[in-house]
Amino acid sequence: AIIPKLRVHIKSIPQKCKESKILIYSSFALFLLFSAFSTKLIMYI
């Protein structure tokens, strides 16, 4: 449901809502970190 609207929403938040950017960037950074680790289990994330 959110993929079609996510790009528009992200473009609208730089000035309006820094909190959304924090959540998006934090999620992405953590996802990359745990993807880079060798051992992985679903519960780790």
ModelCIF file with pLDDT and N, C-alpha, C, O atoms, coordinates in Angstrom:
data_MODEL
#
_entry.id   MODEL 
#
_entity.id                         1 
_entity.type                       polymer 
_entity.pdbx_number_of_molecules   1 
#
_entity_poly.entity_id                      1 
_entity_poly.type                           'polypeptide(L)' 
_entity_poly.nstd_linkage                   no 
_entity_poly.nstd_monomer                   no 
_entity_poly.pdbx_seq_one_letter_code       AIIPKLRVHIKSIPQKCKESKILIYSSFALFLLFSAFSTKLIMYI 
_entity_poly.pdbx_seq_one_letter_code_can   AIIPKLRVHIKSIPQKCKESKILIYSSFALFLLFSAFSTKLIMYI 
_entity_poly.pdbx_strand_id                 A 
#
loop_
_entity_poly_seq.entity_id 
_entity_poly_seq.num 
_entity_poly_seq.mon_id 
_entity_poly_seq.hetero 
1 1  ALA n 
1 2  ILE n 
1 3  ILE n 
1 4  PRO n 
1 5  LYS n 
1 6  LEU n 
1 7  ARG n 
1 8  VAL n 
1 9  HIS n 
1 10 ILE n 
1 11 LYS n 
1 12 SER n 
1 13 ILE n 
1 14 PRO n 
1 15 GLN n 
1 16 LYS n 
1 17 CYS n 
1 18 LYS n 
1 19 GLU n 
1 20 SER n 
1 21 LYS n 
1 22 ILE n 
1 23 LEU n 
1 24 ILE n 
1 25 TYR n 
1 26 SER n 
1 27 SER n 
1 28 PHE n 
1 29 ALA n 
1 30 LEU n 
1 31 PHE n 
1 32 LEU n 
1 33 LEU n 
1 34 PHE n 
1 35 SER n 
1 36 ALA n 
1 37 PHE n 
1 38 SER n 
1 39 THR n 
1 40 LYS n 
1 41 LEU n 
1 42 ILE n 
1 43 MET n 
1 44 TYR n 
1 45 ILE n 
#
_struct_asym.id          A 
_struct_asym.entity_id   1 
#
loop_
_ma_qa_metric.id 
_ma_qa_metric.mode 
_ma_qa_metric.name 
_ma_qa_metric.software_group_id 
_ma_qa_metric.type 
1 global pLDDT . pLDDT 
2 local  pLDDT . pLDDT 
#
_ma_qa_metric_global.metric_id      1 
_ma_qa_metric_global.metric_value   76.33 
_ma_qa_metric_global.model_id       1 
_ma_qa_metric_global.ordinal_id     1 
#
loop_
_ma_qa_metric_local.label_asym_id 
_ma_qa_metric_local.label_comp_id 
_ma_qa_metric_local.label_seq_id 
_ma_qa_metric_local.metric_id 
_ma_qa_metric_local.metric_value 
_ma_qa_metric_local.model_id 
_ma_qa_metric_local.ordinal_id 
A ALA 1  2 64.00 1 1  
A ILE 2  2 64.00 1 2  
A ILE 3  2 64.00 1 3  
A PRO 4  2 61.00 1 4  
A LYS 5  2 57.00 1 5  
A LEU 6  2 57.00 1 6  
A ARG 7  2 59.00 1 7  
A VAL 8  2 58.00 1 8  
A HIS 9  2 55.00 1 9  
A ILE 10 2 55.00 1 10 
A LYS 11 2 57.00 1 11 
A SER 12 2 53.00 1 12 
A ILE 13 2 52.00 1 13 
A PRO 14 2 45.00 1 14 
A GLN 15 2 45.00 1 15 
A LYS 16 2 52.00 1 16 
A CYS 17 2 78.00 1 17 
A LYS 18 2 84.00 1 18 
A GLU 19 2 88.00 1 19 
A SER 20 2 86.00 1 20 
A LYS 21 2 88.00 1 21 
A ILE 22 2 91.00 1 22 
A LEU 23 2 92.00 1 23 
A ILE 24 2 89.00 1 24 
A TYR 25 2 92.00 1 25 
A SER 26 2 93.00 1 26 
A SER 27 2 92.00 1 27 
A PHE 28 2 92.00 1 28 
A ALA 29 2 94.00 1 29 
A LEU 30 2 93.00 1 30 
A PHE 31 2 92.00 1 31 
A LEU 32 2 92.00 1 32 
A LEU 33 2 91.00 1 33 
A PHE 34 2 88.00 1 34 
A SER 35 2 88.00 1 35 
A ALA 36 2 86.00 1 36 
A PHE 37 2 83.00 1 37 
A SER 38 2 77.00 1 38 
A THR 39 2 79.00 1 39 
A LYS 40 2 79.00 1 40 
A LEU 41 2 81.00 1 41 
A ILE 42 2 85.00 1 42 
A MET 43 2 87.00 1 43 
A TYR 44 2 87.00 1 44 
A ILE 45 2 90.00 1 45 
#
loop_
_atom_site.group_PDB 
_atom_site.id 
_atom_site.type_symbol 
_atom_site.label_atom_id 
_atom_site.label_alt_id 
_atom_site.label_comp_id 
_atom_site.label_asym_id 
_atom_site.label_entity_id 
_atom_site.label_seq_id 
_atom_site.pdbx_PDB_ins_code 
_atom_site.Cartn_x 
_atom_site.Cartn_y 
_atom_site.Cartn_z 
_atom_site.occupancy 
_atom_site.B_iso_or_equiv 
_atom_site.pdbx_formal_charge 
_atom_site.auth_seq_id 
_atom_site.auth_comp_id 
_atom_site.auth_asym_id 
_atom_site.auth_atom_id 
_atom_site.pdbx_PDB_model_num 
ATOM 1   N N  . ALA A 1 1  ? 0.816  -1.218  0.000  1.00 64.00 ? 1  ALA A N  1 
ATOM 2   C CA . ALA A 1 1  ? 0.000  0.000   0.000  1.00 64.00 ? 1  ALA A CA 1 
ATOM 3   C C  . ALA A 1 1  ? 0.847  1.265   0.000  1.00 64.00 ? 1  ALA A C  1 
ATOM 4   O O  . ALA A 1 1  ? 0.472  2.264   -0.613 1.00 64.00 ? 1  ALA A O  1 
ATOM 5   N N  . ILE A 1 2  ? 2.008  1.225   0.697  1.00 64.00 ? 2  ILE A N  1 
ATOM 6   C CA . ILE A 1 2  ? 2.756  2.475   0.854  1.00 64.00 ? 2  ILE A CA 1 
ATOM 7   C C  . ILE A 1 2  ? 3.784  2.731   -0.246 1.00 64.00 ? 2  ILE A C  1 
ATOM 8   O O  . ILE A 1 2  ? 4.187  3.875   -0.456 1.00 64.00 ? 2  ILE A O  1 
ATOM 9   N N  . ILE A 1 3  ? 4.221  1.669   -0.961 1.00 64.00 ? 3  ILE A N  1 
ATOM 10  C CA . ILE A 1 3  ? 5.244  1.862   -1.993 1.00 64.00 ? 3  ILE A CA 1 
ATOM 11  C C  . ILE A 1 3  ? 4.847  2.918   -3.021 1.00 64.00 ? 3  ILE A C  1 
ATOM 12  O O  . ILE A 1 3  ? 5.672  3.775   -3.340 1.00 64.00 ? 3  ILE A O  1 
ATOM 13  N N  . PRO A 1 4  ? 3.600  2.900   -3.567 1.00 61.00 ? 4  PRO A N  1 
ATOM 14  C CA . PRO A 1 4  ? 3.248  3.913   -4.564 1.00 61.00 ? 4  PRO A CA 1 
ATOM 15  C C  . PRO A 1 4  ? 3.300  5.340   -4.024 1.00 61.00 ? 4  PRO A C  1 
ATOM 16  O O  . PRO A 1 4  ? 3.559  6.278   -4.778 1.00 61.00 ? 4  PRO A O  1 
ATOM 17  N N  . LYS A 1 5  ? 3.058  5.510   -2.728 1.00 57.00 ? 5  LYS A N  1 
ATOM 18  C CA . LYS A 1 5  ? 3.017  6.845   -2.139 1.00 57.00 ? 5  LYS A CA 1 
ATOM 19  C C  . LYS A 1 5  ? 4.310  7.217   -1.406 1.00 57.00 ? 5  LYS A C  1 
ATOM 20  O O  . LYS A 1 5  ? 4.503  8.375   -1.037 1.00 57.00 ? 5  LYS A O  1 
ATOM 21  N N  . LEU A 1 6  ? 5.196  6.232   -1.196 1.00 57.00 ? 6  LEU A N  1 
ATOM 22  C CA . LEU A 1 6  ? 6.359  6.472   -0.359 1.00 57.00 ? 6  LEU A CA 1 
ATOM 23  C C  . LEU A 1 6  ? 7.297  7.516   -0.959 1.00 57.00 ? 6  LEU A C  1 
ATOM 24  O O  . LEU A 1 6  ? 7.819  8.367   -0.238 1.00 57.00 ? 6  LEU A O  1 
ATOM 25  N N  . ARG A 1 7  ? 7.512  7.457   -2.274 1.00 59.00 ? 7  ARG A N  1 
ATOM 26  C CA . ARG A 1 7  ? 8.414  8.422   -2.908 1.00 59.00 ? 7  ARG A CA 1 
ATOM 27  C C  . ARG A 1 7  ? 7.889  9.843   -2.762 1.00 59.00 ? 7  ARG A C  1 
ATOM 28  O O  . ARG A 1 7  ? 8.649  10.766  -2.468 1.00 59.00 ? 7  ARG A O  1 
ATOM 29  N N  . VAL A 1 8  ? 6.596  10.016  -2.966 1.00 58.00 ? 8  VAL A N  1 
ATOM 30  C CA . VAL A 1 8  ? 5.981  11.343  -2.819 1.00 58.00 ? 8  VAL A CA 1 
ATOM 31  C C  . VAL A 1 8  ? 6.088  11.807  -1.377 1.00 58.00 ? 8  VAL A C  1 
ATOM 32  O O  . VAL A 1 8  ? 6.380  12.972  -1.109 1.00 58.00 ? 8  VAL A O  1 
ATOM 33  N N  . HIS A 1 9  ? 5.848  10.879  -0.442 1.00 55.00 ? 9  HIS A N  1 
ATOM 34  C CA . HIS A 1 9  ? 5.887  11.231  0.975  1.00 55.00 ? 9  HIS A CA 1 
ATOM 35  C C  . HIS A 1 9  ? 7.293  11.621  1.400  1.00 55.00 ? 9  HIS A C  1 
ATOM 36  O O  . HIS A 1 9  ? 7.476  12.592  2.135  1.00 55.00 ? 9  HIS A O  1 
ATOM 37  N N  . ILE A 1 10 ? 8.304  10.852  0.932  1.00 55.00 ? 10 ILE A N  1 
ATOM 38  C CA . ILE A 1 10 ? 9.688  11.157  1.295  1.00 55.00 ? 10 ILE A CA 1 
ATOM 39  C C  . ILE A 1 10 ? 10.092 12.527  0.764  1.00 55.00 ? 10 ILE A C  1 
ATOM 40  O O  . ILE A 1 10 ? 10.795 13.275  1.443  1.00 55.00 ? 10 ILE A O  1 
ATOM 41  N N  . LYS A 1 11 ? 9.644  12.860  -0.458 1.00 57.00 ? 11 LYS A N  1 
ATOM 42  C CA . LYS A 1 11 ? 9.975  14.162  -1.025 1.00 57.00 ? 11 LYS A CA 1 
ATOM 43  C C  . LYS A 1 11 ? 9.349  15.312  -0.235 1.00 57.00 ? 11 LYS A C  1 
ATOM 44  O O  . LYS A 1 11 ? 9.857  16.433  -0.238 1.00 57.00 ? 11 LYS A O  1 
ATOM 45  N N  . SER A 1 12 ? 8.251  15.017  0.430  1.00 53.00 ? 12 SER A N  1 
ATOM 46  C CA . SER A 1 12 ? 7.532  16.084  1.139  1.00 53.00 ? 12 SER A CA 1 
ATOM 47  C C  . SER A 1 12 ? 8.019  16.298  2.563  1.00 53.00 ? 12 SER A C  1 
ATOM 48  O O  . SER A 1 12 ? 7.589  17.245  3.221  1.00 53.00 ? 12 SER A O  1 
ATOM 49  N N  . ILE A 1 13 ? 8.916  15.427  3.060  1.00 52.00 ? 13 ILE A N  1 
ATOM 50  C CA . ILE A 1 13 ? 9.274  15.527  4.470  1.00 52.00 ? 13 ILE A CA 1 
ATOM 51  C C  . ILE A 1 13 ? 10.549 16.290  4.797  1.00 52.00 ? 13 ILE A C  1 
ATOM 52  O O  . ILE A 1 13 ? 10.751 16.595  5.972  1.00 52.00 ? 13 ILE A O  1 
ATOM 53  N N  . PRO A 1 14 ? 11.440 16.629  3.839  1.00 45.00 ? 14 PRO A N  1 
ATOM 54  C CA . PRO A 1 14 ? 12.683 17.272  4.260  1.00 45.00 ? 14 PRO A CA 1 
ATOM 55  C C  . PRO A 1 14 ? 12.493 18.522  5.106  1.00 45.00 ? 14 PRO A C  1 
ATOM 56  O O  . PRO A 1 14 ? 13.200 18.702  6.098  1.00 45.00 ? 14 PRO A O  1 
ATOM 57  N N  . GLN A 1 15 ? 11.561 19.382  4.740  1.00 45.00 ? 15 GLN A N  1 
ATOM 58  C CA . GLN A 1 15 ? 11.336 20.600  5.498  1.00 45.00 ? 15 GLN A CA 1 
ATOM 59  C C  . GLN A 1 15 ? 10.262 20.418  6.562  1.00 45.00 ? 15 GLN A C  1 
ATOM 60  O O  . GLN A 1 15 ? 10.313 21.072  7.604  1.00 45.00 ? 15 GLN A O  1 
ATOM 61  N N  . LYS A 1 16 ? 9.307  19.556  6.323  1.00 52.00 ? 16 LYS A N  1 
ATOM 62  C CA . LYS A 1 16 ? 8.145  19.421  7.206  1.00 52.00 ? 16 LYS A CA 1 
ATOM 63  C C  . LYS A 1 16 ? 8.383  18.498  8.394  1.00 52.00 ? 16 LYS A C  1 
ATOM 64  O O  . LYS A 1 16 ? 7.905  18.769  9.495  1.00 52.00 ? 16 LYS A O  1 
ATOM 65  N N  . CYS A 1 17 ? 9.114  17.413  8.180  1.00 78.00 ? 17 CYS A N  1 
ATOM 66  C CA . CYS A 1 17 ? 9.167  16.392  9.232  1.00 78.00 ? 17 CYS A CA 1 
ATOM 67  C C  . CYS A 1 17 ? 10.519 15.693  9.260  1.00 78.00 ? 17 CYS A C  1 
ATOM 68  O O  . CYS A 1 17 ? 10.740 14.712  8.550  1.00 78.00 ? 17 CYS A O  1 
ATOM 69  N N  . LYS A 1 18 ? 11.402 16.201  10.074 1.00 84.00 ? 18 LYS A N  1 
ATOM 70  C CA . LYS A 1 18 ? 12.719 15.596  10.211 1.00 84.00 ? 18 LYS A CA 1 
ATOM 71  C C  . LYS A 1 18 ? 12.633 14.236  10.892 1.00 84.00 ? 18 LYS A C  1 
ATOM 72  O O  . LYS A 1 18 ? 13.488 13.376  10.676 1.00 84.00 ? 18 LYS A O  1 
ATOM 73  N N  . GLU A 1 19 ? 11.602 14.039  11.715 1.00 88.00 ? 19 GLU A N  1 
ATOM 74  C CA . GLU A 1 19 ? 11.455 12.767  12.430 1.00 88.00 ? 19 GLU A CA 1 
ATOM 75  C C  . GLU A 1 19 ? 11.314 11.597  11.454 1.00 88.00 ? 19 GLU A C  1 
ATOM 76  O O  . GLU A 1 19 ? 11.865 10.520  11.685 1.00 88.00 ? 19 GLU A O  1 
ATOM 77  N N  . SER A 1 20 ? 10.574 11.813  10.363 1.00 86.00 ? 20 SER A N  1 
ATOM 78  C CA . SER A 1 20 ? 10.404 10.751  9.372  1.00 86.00 ? 20 SER A CA 1 
ATOM 79  C C  . SER A 1 20 ? 11.738 10.396  8.724  1.00 86.00 ? 20 SER A C  1 
ATOM 80  O O  . SER A 1 20 ? 12.021 9.226   8.469  1.00 86.00 ? 20 SER A O  1 
ATOM 81  N N  . LYS A 1 21 ? 12.549 11.406  8.463  1.00 88.00 ? 21 LYS A N  1 
ATOM 82  C CA . LYS A 1 21 ? 13.860 11.144  7.875  1.00 88.00 ? 21 LYS A CA 1 
ATOM 83  C C  . LYS A 1 21 ? 14.737 10.343  8.837  1.00 88.00 ? 21 LYS A C  1 
ATOM 84  O O  . LYS A 1 21 ? 15.464 9.441   8.421  1.00 88.00 ? 21 LYS A O  1 
ATOM 85  N N  . ILE A 1 22 ? 14.662 10.678  10.112 1.00 91.00 ? 22 ILE A N  1 
ATOM 86  C CA . ILE A 1 22 ? 15.439 9.951   11.116 1.00 91.00 ? 22 ILE A CA 1 
ATOM 87  C C  . ILE A 1 22 ? 15.049 8.473   11.125 1.00 91.00 ? 22 ILE A C  1 
ATOM 88  O O  . ILE A 1 22 ? 15.914 7.597   11.138 1.00 91.00 ? 22 ILE A O  1 
ATOM 89  N N  . LEU A 1 23 ? 13.754 8.207   11.117 1.00 92.00 ? 23 LEU A N  1 
ATOM 90  C CA . LEU A 1 23 ? 13.269 6.828   11.139 1.00 92.00 ? 23 LEU A CA 1 
ATOM 91  C C  . LEU A 1 23 ? 13.675 6.065   9.886  1.00 92.00 ? 23 LEU A C  1 
ATOM 92  O O  . LEU A 1 23 ? 14.099 4.912   9.962  1.00 92.00 ? 23 LEU A O  1 
ATOM 93  N N  . ILE A 1 24 ? 13.544 6.716   8.731  1.00 89.00 ? 24 ILE A N  1 
ATOM 94  C CA . ILE A 1 24 ? 13.891 6.069   7.461  1.00 89.00 ? 24 ILE A CA 1 
ATOM 95  C C  . ILE A 1 24 ? 15.384 5.770   7.388  1.00 89.00 ? 24 ILE A C  1 
ATOM 96  O O  . ILE A 1 24 ? 15.784 4.658   7.041  1.00 89.00 ? 24 ILE A O  1 
ATOM 97  N N  . TYR A 1 25 ? 16.206 6.763   7.714  1.00 92.00 ? 25 TYR A N  1 
ATOM 98  C CA . TYR A 1 25 ? 17.655 6.577   7.627  1.00 92.00 ? 25 TYR A CA 1 
ATOM 99  C C  . TYR A 1 25 ? 18.157 5.570   8.664  1.00 92.00 ? 25 TYR A C  1 
ATOM 100 O O  . TYR A 1 25 ? 19.046 4.770   8.372  1.00 92.00 ? 25 TYR A O  1 
ATOM 101 N N  . SER A 1 26 ? 17.591 5.607   9.871  1.00 93.00 ? 26 SER A N  1 
ATOM 102 C CA . SER A 1 26 ? 17.996 4.655   10.910 1.00 93.00 ? 26 SER A CA 1 
ATOM 103 C C  . SER A 1 26 ? 17.647 3.232   10.509 1.00 93.00 ? 26 SER A C  1 
ATOM 104 O O  . SER A 1 26 ? 18.461 2.320   10.655 1.00 93.00 ? 26 SER A O  1 
ATOM 105 N N  . SER A 1 27 ? 16.432 3.045   10.000 1.00 92.00 ? 27 SER A N  1 
ATOM 106 C CA . SER A 1 27 ? 16.003 1.711   9.568  1.00 92.00 ? 27 SER A CA 1 
ATOM 107 C C  . SER A 1 27 ? 16.919 1.183   8.479  1.00 92.00 ? 27 SER A C  1 
ATOM 108 O O  . SER A 1 27 ? 17.344 0.028   8.521  1.00 92.00 ? 27 SER A O  1 
ATOM 109 N N  . PHE A 1 28 ? 17.223 2.030   7.506  1.00 92.00 ? 28 PHE A N  1 
ATOM 110 C CA . PHE A 1 28 ? 18.053 1.621   6.377  1.00 92.00 ? 28 PHE A CA 1 
ATOM 111 C C  . PHE A 1 28 ? 19.474 1.289   6.831  1.00 92.00 ? 28 PHE A C  1 
ATOM 112 O O  . PHE A 1 28 ? 20.052 0.295   6.391  1.00 92.00 ? 28 PHE A O  1 
ATOM 113 N N  . ALA A 1 29 ? 20.037 2.121   7.711  1.00 94.00 ? 29 ALA A N  1 
ATOM 114 C CA . ALA A 1 29 ? 21.400 1.889   8.204  1.00 94.00 ? 29 ALA A CA 1 
ATOM 115 C C  . ALA A 1 29 ? 21.489 0.578   8.990  1.00 94.00 ? 29 ALA A C  1 
ATOM 116 O O  . ALA A 1 29 ? 22.431 -0.194  8.812  1.00 94.00 ? 29 ALA A O  1 
ATOM 117 N N  . LEU A 1 30 ? 20.513 0.333   9.851  1.00 93.00 ? 30 LEU A N  1 
ATOM 118 C CA . LEU A 1 30 ? 20.507 -0.904  10.632 1.00 93.00 ? 30 LEU A CA 1 
ATOM 119 C C  . LEU A 1 30 ? 20.317 -2.123  9.735  1.00 93.00 ? 30 LEU A C  1 
ATOM 120 O O  . LEU A 1 30 ? 20.932 -3.168  9.951  1.00 93.00 ? 30 LEU A O  1 
ATOM 121 N N  . PHE A 1 31 ? 19.469 -1.980  8.739  1.00 92.00 ? 31 PHE A N  1 
ATOM 122 C CA . PHE A 1 31 ? 19.242 -3.079  7.796  1.00 92.00 ? 31 PHE A CA 1 
ATOM 123 C C  . PHE A 1 31 ? 20.541 -3.441  7.066  1.00 92.00 ? 31 PHE A C  1 
ATOM 124 O O  . PHE A 1 31 ? 20.853 -4.620  6.904  1.00 92.00 ? 31 PHE A O  1 
ATOM 125 N N  . LEU A 1 32 ? 21.288 -2.440  6.634  1.00 92.00 ? 32 LEU A N  1 
ATOM 126 C CA . LEU A 1 32 ? 22.559 -2.688  5.950  1.00 92.00 ? 32 LEU A CA 1 
ATOM 127 C C  . LEU A 1 32 ? 23.587 -3.309  6.902  1.00 92.00 ? 32 LEU A C  1 
ATOM 128 O O  . LEU A 1 32 ? 24.322 -4.219  6.520  1.00 92.00 ? 32 LEU A O  1 
ATOM 129 N N  . LEU A 1 33 ? 23.632 -2.816  8.133  1.00 91.00 ? 33 LEU A N  1 
ATOM 130 C CA . LEU A 1 33 ? 24.579 -3.337  9.118  1.00 91.00 ? 33 LEU A CA 1 
ATOM 131 C C  . LEU A 1 33 ? 24.352 -4.824  9.371  1.00 91.00 ? 33 LEU A C  1 
ATOM 132 O O  . LEU A 1 33 ? 25.289 -5.622  9.330  1.00 91.00 ? 33 LEU A O  1 
ATOM 133 N N  . PHE A 1 34 ? 23.106 -5.183  9.631  1.00 88.00 ? 34 PHE A N  1 
ATOM 134 C CA . PHE A 1 34 ? 22.819 -6.578  9.941  1.00 88.00 ? 34 PHE A CA 1 
ATOM 135 C C  . PHE A 1 34 ? 22.907 -7.463  8.698  1.00 88.00 ? 34 PHE A C  1 
ATOM 136 O O  . PHE A 1 34 ? 23.144 -8.666  8.809  1.00 88.00 ? 34 PHE A O  1 
ATOM 137 N N  . SER A 1 35 ? 22.721 -6.879  7.529  1.00 88.00 ? 35 SER A N  1 
ATOM 138 C CA . SER A 1 35 ? 22.924 -7.640  6.290  1.00 88.00 ? 35 SER A CA 1 
ATOM 139 C C  . SER A 1 35 ? 24.407 -7.917  6.073  1.00 88.00 ? 35 SER A C  1 
ATOM 140 O O  . SER A 1 35 ? 24.774 -8.943  5.500  1.00 88.00 ? 35 SER A O  1 
ATOM 141 N N  . ALA A 1 36 ? 25.260 -6.998  6.533  1.00 86.00 ? 36 ALA A N  1 
ATOM 142 C CA . ALA A 1 36 ? 26.706 -7.164  6.365  1.00 86.00 ? 36 ALA A CA 1 
ATOM 143 C C  . ALA A 1 36 ? 27.279 -8.194  7.326  1.00 86.00 ? 36 ALA A C  1 
ATOM 144 O O  . ALA A 1 36 ? 28.309 -8.802  7.034  1.00 86.00 ? 36 ALA A O  1 
ATOM 145 N N  . PHE A 1 37 ? 26.630 -8.400  8.463  1.00 83.00 ? 37 PHE A N  1 
ATOM 146 C CA . PHE A 1 37 ? 27.108 -9.401  9.423  1.00 83.00 ? 37 PHE A CA 1 
ATOM 147 C C  . PHE A 1 37 ? 26.966 -10.799 8.826  1.00 83.00 ? 37 PHE A C  1 
ATOM 148 O O  . PHE A 1 37 ? 26.021 -11.078 8.087  1.00 83.00 ? 37 PHE A O  1 
ATOM 149 N N  . SER A 1 38 ? 27.905 -11.663 9.153  1.00 77.00 ? 38 SER A N  1 
ATOM 150 C CA . SER A 1 38 ? 27.902 -13.003 8.583  1.00 77.00 ? 38 SER A CA 1 
ATOM 151 C C  . SER A 1 38 ? 26.737 -13.844 9.106  1.00 77.00 ? 38 SER A C  1 
ATOM 152 O O  . SER A 1 38 ? 25.996 -14.435 8.321  1.00 77.00 ? 38 SER A O  1 
ATOM 153 N N  . THR A 1 39 ? 26.575 -13.898 10.432 1.00 79.00 ? 39 THR A N  1 
ATOM 154 C CA . THR A 1 39 ? 25.490 -14.712 11.006 1.00 79.00 ? 39 THR A CA 1 
ATOM 155 C C  . THR A 1 39 ? 24.186 -13.936 11.012 1.00 79.00 ? 39 THR A C  1 
ATOM 156 O O  . THR A 1 39 ? 24.151 -12.752 11.349 1.00 79.00 ? 39 THR A O  1 
ATOM 157 N N  . LYS A 1 40 ? 23.124 -14.614 10.638 1.00 79.00 ? 40 LYS A N  1 
ATOM 158 C CA . LYS A 1 40 ? 21.828 -13.951 10.519 1.00 79.00 ? 40 LYS A CA 1 
ATOM 159 C C  . LYS A 1 40 ? 20.712 -14.876 11.005 1.00 79.00 ? 40 LYS A C  1 
ATOM 160 O O  . LYS A 1 40 ? 20.694 -16.068 10.696 1.00 79.00 ? 40 LYS A O  1 
ATOM 161 N N  . LEU A 1 41 ? 19.794 -14.309 11.760 1.00 81.00 ? 41 LEU A N  1 
ATOM 162 C CA . LEU A 1 41 ? 18.548 -14.948 12.123 1.00 81.00 ? 41 LEU A CA 1 
ATOM 163 C C  . LEU A 1 41 ? 17.446 -13.897 12.038 1.00 81.00 ? 41 LEU A C  1 
ATOM 164 O O  . LEU A 1 41 ? 17.710 -12.703 12.181 1.00 81.00 ? 41 LEU A O  1 
ATOM 165 N N  . ILE A 1 42 ? 16.223 -14.337 11.808 1.00 85.00 ? 42 ILE A N  1 
ATOM 166 C CA . ILE A 1 42 ? 15.117 -13.389 11.657 1.00 85.00 ? 42 ILE A CA 1 
ATOM 167 C C  . ILE A 1 42 ? 15.003 -12.482 12.876 1.00 85.00 ? 42 ILE A C  1 
ATOM 168 O O  . ILE A 1 42 ? 14.805 -11.275 12.737 1.00 85.00 ? 42 ILE A O  1 
ATOM 169 N N  . MET A 1 43 ? 15.128 -13.057 14.068 1.00 87.00 ? 43 MET A N  1 
ATOM 170 C CA . MET A 1 43 ? 14.910 -12.292 15.290 1.00 87.00 ? 43 MET A CA 1 
ATOM 171 C C  . MET A 1 43 ? 15.977 -11.226 15.542 1.00 87.00 ? 43 MET A C  1 
ATOM 172 O O  . MET A 1 43 ? 15.762 -10.323 16.350 1.00 87.00 ? 43 MET A O  1 
ATOM 173 N N  . TYR A 1 44 ? 17.114 -11.317 14.868 1.00 87.00 ? 44 TYR A N  1 
ATOM 174 C CA . TYR A 1 44 ? 18.168 -10.333 15.076 1.00 87.00 ? 44 TYR A CA 1 
ATOM 175 C C  . TYR A 1 44 ? 17.700 -8.915  14.733 1.00 87.00 ? 44 TYR A C  1 
ATOM 176 O O  . TYR A 1 44 ? 18.173 -7.949  15.331 1.00 87.00 ? 44 TYR A O  1 
ATOM 177 N N  . ILE A 1 45 ? 16.773 -8.785  13.772 1.00 90.00 ? 45 ILE A N  1 
ATOM 178 C CA . ILE A 1 45 ? 16.350 -7.453  13.335 1.00 90.00 ? 45 ILE A CA 1 
ATOM 179 C C  . ILE A 1 45 ? 15.012 -7.021  13.944 1.00 90.00 ? 45 ILE A C  1 
ATOM 180 O O  . ILE A 1 45 ? 14.533 -5.922  13.664 1.00 90.00 ? 45 ILE A O  1 
#
